[in-house]
C-alpha atoms as a PDB file:
ATOM      1  CA  UNK A   1       6.642 -15.598   7.168  1.00  0.00           C
ATOM      2  CA  UNK A   2       4.121 -14.094   9.471  1.00  0.00           C
ATOM      3  CA  UNK A   3       0.897 -13.198   7.636  1.00  0.00           C
ATOM      4  CA  UNK A   4      -0.374  -9.603   8.195  1.00  0.00           C
ATOM      5  CA  UNK A   5      -3.930  -8.950   9.269  1.00  0.00           C
ATOM      6  CA  UNK A   6      -5.985  -7.388   6.644  1.00  0.00           C
ATOM      7  CA  UNK A   7      -6.814  -4.555   8.485  1.00  0.00           C
ATOM      8  CA  UNK A   8      -5.653  -0.751   8.343  1.00  0.00           C
ATOM      9  CA  UNK A   9      -4.287   1.366  10.978  1.00  0.00           C
ATOM     10  CA  UNK A  10      -7.762   1.692  12.471  1.00  0.00           C
ATOM     11  CA  UNK A  11      -8.837  -2.038  12.316  1.00  0.00           C
ATOM     12  CA  UNK A  12     -11.014  -1.371   9.193  1.00  0.00           C
ATOM     13  CA  UNK A  13     -10.874  -4.566   6.912  1.00  0.00           C
ATOM     14  CA  UNK A  14      -9.296  -3.934   3.453  1.00  0.00           C
ATOM     15  CA  UNK A  15      -9.839  -5.883   0.495  1.00  0.00           C
ATOM     16  CA  UNK A  16      -8.847  -5.455  -3.263  1.00  0.00           C
ATOM     17  CA  UNK A  17     -10.561  -2.612  -4.814  1.00  0.00           C
ATOM     18  CA  UNK A  18     -10.759  -0.533  -1.791  1.00  0.00           C
ATOM     19  CA  UNK A  19      -9.582   3.110  -2.060  1.00  0.00           C
ATOM     20  CA  UNK A  20      -7.143   3.613   0.857  1.00  0.00           C
ATOM     21  CA  UNK A  21      -5.059   6.735   2.012  1.00  0.00           C
ATOM     22  CA  UNK A  22      -1.348   5.952   2.327  1.00  0.00           C
ATOM     23  CA  UNK A  23      -0.174   7.464   5.470  1.00  0.00           C
ATOM     24  CA  UNK A  24       3.330   7.314   4.862  1.00  0.00           C
ATOM     25  CA  UNK A  25       5.919   5.544   2.621  1.00  0.00           C
ATOM     26  CA  UNK A  26       7.956   3.559   4.973  1.00  0.00           C
ATOM     27  CA  UNK A  27      11.824   3.060   4.761  1.00  0.00           C
ATOM     28  CA  UNK A  28      11.574  -0.826   4.788  1.00  0.00           C
ATOM     29  CA  UNK A  29      10.317  -0.010   0.982  1.00  0.00           C
ATOM     30  CA  UNK A  30      12.740   2.734   0.025  1.00  0.00           C
ATOM     31  CA  UNK A  31      16.011   1.579   1.650  1.00  0.00           C
ATOM     32  CA  UNK A  32      17.511   0.009  -1.229  1.00  0.00           C
ATOM     33  CA  UNK A  33      15.895   2.002  -4.018  1.00  0.00           C
ATOM     34  CA  UNK A  34      17.457   4.774  -6.523  1.00  0.00           C
ATOM     35  CA  UNK A  35      16.948   8.537  -5.035  1.00  0.00           C
ATOM     36  CA  UNK A  36      14.419   8.613  -7.838  1.00  0.00           C
ATOM     37  CA  UNK A  37      12.084   5.868  -7.248  1.00  0.00           C
ATOM     38  CA  UNK A  38      12.011   7.231  -3.462  1.00  0.00           C
ATOM     39  CA  UNK A  39      10.892  10.499  -4.612  1.00  0.00           C
ATOM     40  CA  UNK A  40       8.272   9.041  -6.769  1.00  0.00           C
ATOM     41  CA  UNK A  41       6.888   6.981  -3.793  1.00  0.00           C
ATOM     42  CA  UNK A  42       7.193   9.899  -1.320  1.00  0.00           C
ATOM     43  CA  UNK A  43       5.063  12.047  -3.150  1.00  0.00           C
ATOM     44  CA  UNK A  44       1.860   9.283  -2.742  1.00  0.00           C
ATOM     45  CA  UNK A  45       2.190  10.172   0.864  1.00  0.00           C
ATOM     46  CA  UNK A  46      -1.214  11.403   2.030  1.00  0.00           C
ATOM     47  CA  UNK A  47      -2.897  10.384  -1.697  1.00  0.00           C
ATOM     48  CA  UNK A  48      -5.719   7.964  -1.811  1.00  0.00           C
ATOM     49  CA  UNK A  49      -5.430   4.783  -4.358  1.00  0.00           C
ATOM     50  CA  UNK A  50      -7.215   1.916  -4.998  1.00  0.00           C
ATOM     51  CA  UNK A  51      -5.758  -1.459  -3.847  1.00  0.00           C
ATOM     52  CA  UNK A  52      -4.975  -3.572  -6.820  1.00  0.00           C
ATOM     53  CA  UNK A  53      -4.408  -7.034  -4.547  1.00  0.00           C
ATOM     54  CA  UNK A  54      -3.786  -8.297  -1.390  1.00  0.00           C
ATOM     55  CA  UNK A  55      -0.978 -11.209  -1.629  1.00  0.00           C
ATOM     56  CA  UNK A  56      -0.496 -14.740   0.451  1.00  0.00           C
ATOM     57  CA  UNK A  57       1.528 -12.674   3.278  1.00  0.00           C
ATOM     58  CA  UNK A  58      -1.030  -9.817   3.619  1.00  0.00           C
ATOM     59  CA  UNK A  59       0.818  -6.916   1.545  1.00  0.00           C
ATOM     60  CA  UNK A  60      -1.067  -4.476   0.233  1.00  0.00           C
ATOM     61  CA  UNK A  61      -0.124  -4.088  -3.601  1.00  0.00           C
ATOM     62  CA  UNK A  62      -0.933  -1.161  -5.811  1.00  0.00           C
ATOM     63  CA  UNK A  63      -0.781  -0.657  -9.765  1.00  0.00           C
ATOM     64  CA  UNK A  64      -2.860  -1.256 -12.539  1.00  0.00           C
ATOM     65  CA  UNK A  65      -4.479  -4.332 -13.941  1.00  0.00           C
ATOM     66  CA  UNK A  66      -2.668  -3.085 -17.247  1.00  0.00           C
ATOM     67  CA  UNK A  67       0.767  -2.936 -15.973  1.00  0.00           C
ATOM     68  CA  UNK A  68       0.475  -4.978 -13.107  1.00  0.00           C
ATOM     69  CA  UNK A  69       1.904  -4.623  -9.507  1.00  0.00           C
ATOM     70  CA  UNK A  70       4.184  -1.308  -8.759  1.00  0.00           C
ATOM     71  CA  UNK A  71       4.689  -1.322  -4.938  1.00  0.00           C
ATOM     72  CA  UNK A  72       3.339  -2.770  -1.678  1.00  0.00           C
ATOM     73  CA  UNK A  73       2.767  -1.499   1.757  1.00  0.00           C
ATOM     74  CA  UNK A  74       1.665  -3.537   4.812  1.00  0.00           C
ATOM     75  CA  UNK A  75      -2.051  -2.760   5.442  1.00  0.00           C
ATOM     76  CA  UNK A  76      -1.512  -1.093   9.122  1.00  0.00           C
ATOM     77  CA  UNK A  77       0.298   1.826   6.676  1.00  0.00           C
ATOM     78  CA  UNK A  78      -2.936   2.670   5.076  1.00  0.00           C
ATOM     79  CA  UNK A  79      -6.389   4.049   6.156  1.00  0.00           C
ATOM     80  CA  UNK A  80      -9.390   2.710   4.256  1.00  0.00           C
ATOM     81  CA  UNK A  81     -11.787   5.474   2.921  1.00  0.00           C
ATOM     82  CA  UNK A  82     -15.456   4.496   2.535  1.00  0.00           C
ATOM     83  CA  UNK A  83     -17.971   6.611   0.501  1.00  0.00           C
END
């Protein structure tokens, strides 16, 4: 499996704890999900979320430290938000 570069769509480095804007929810993520889950994920398009972790393959995970991973995206599907 290819390891993804840990950079957003503009080449900005992404690390766990960063705030990132979700540019879109891609079909590769939603194609086998129930409609209710797809609707919940699509609502996140354009929102800013904190990166929970980046796995060994380079996928960026979202969720919470209490409940764990919820979903992941590829780094190039995100935009880092710097204060």
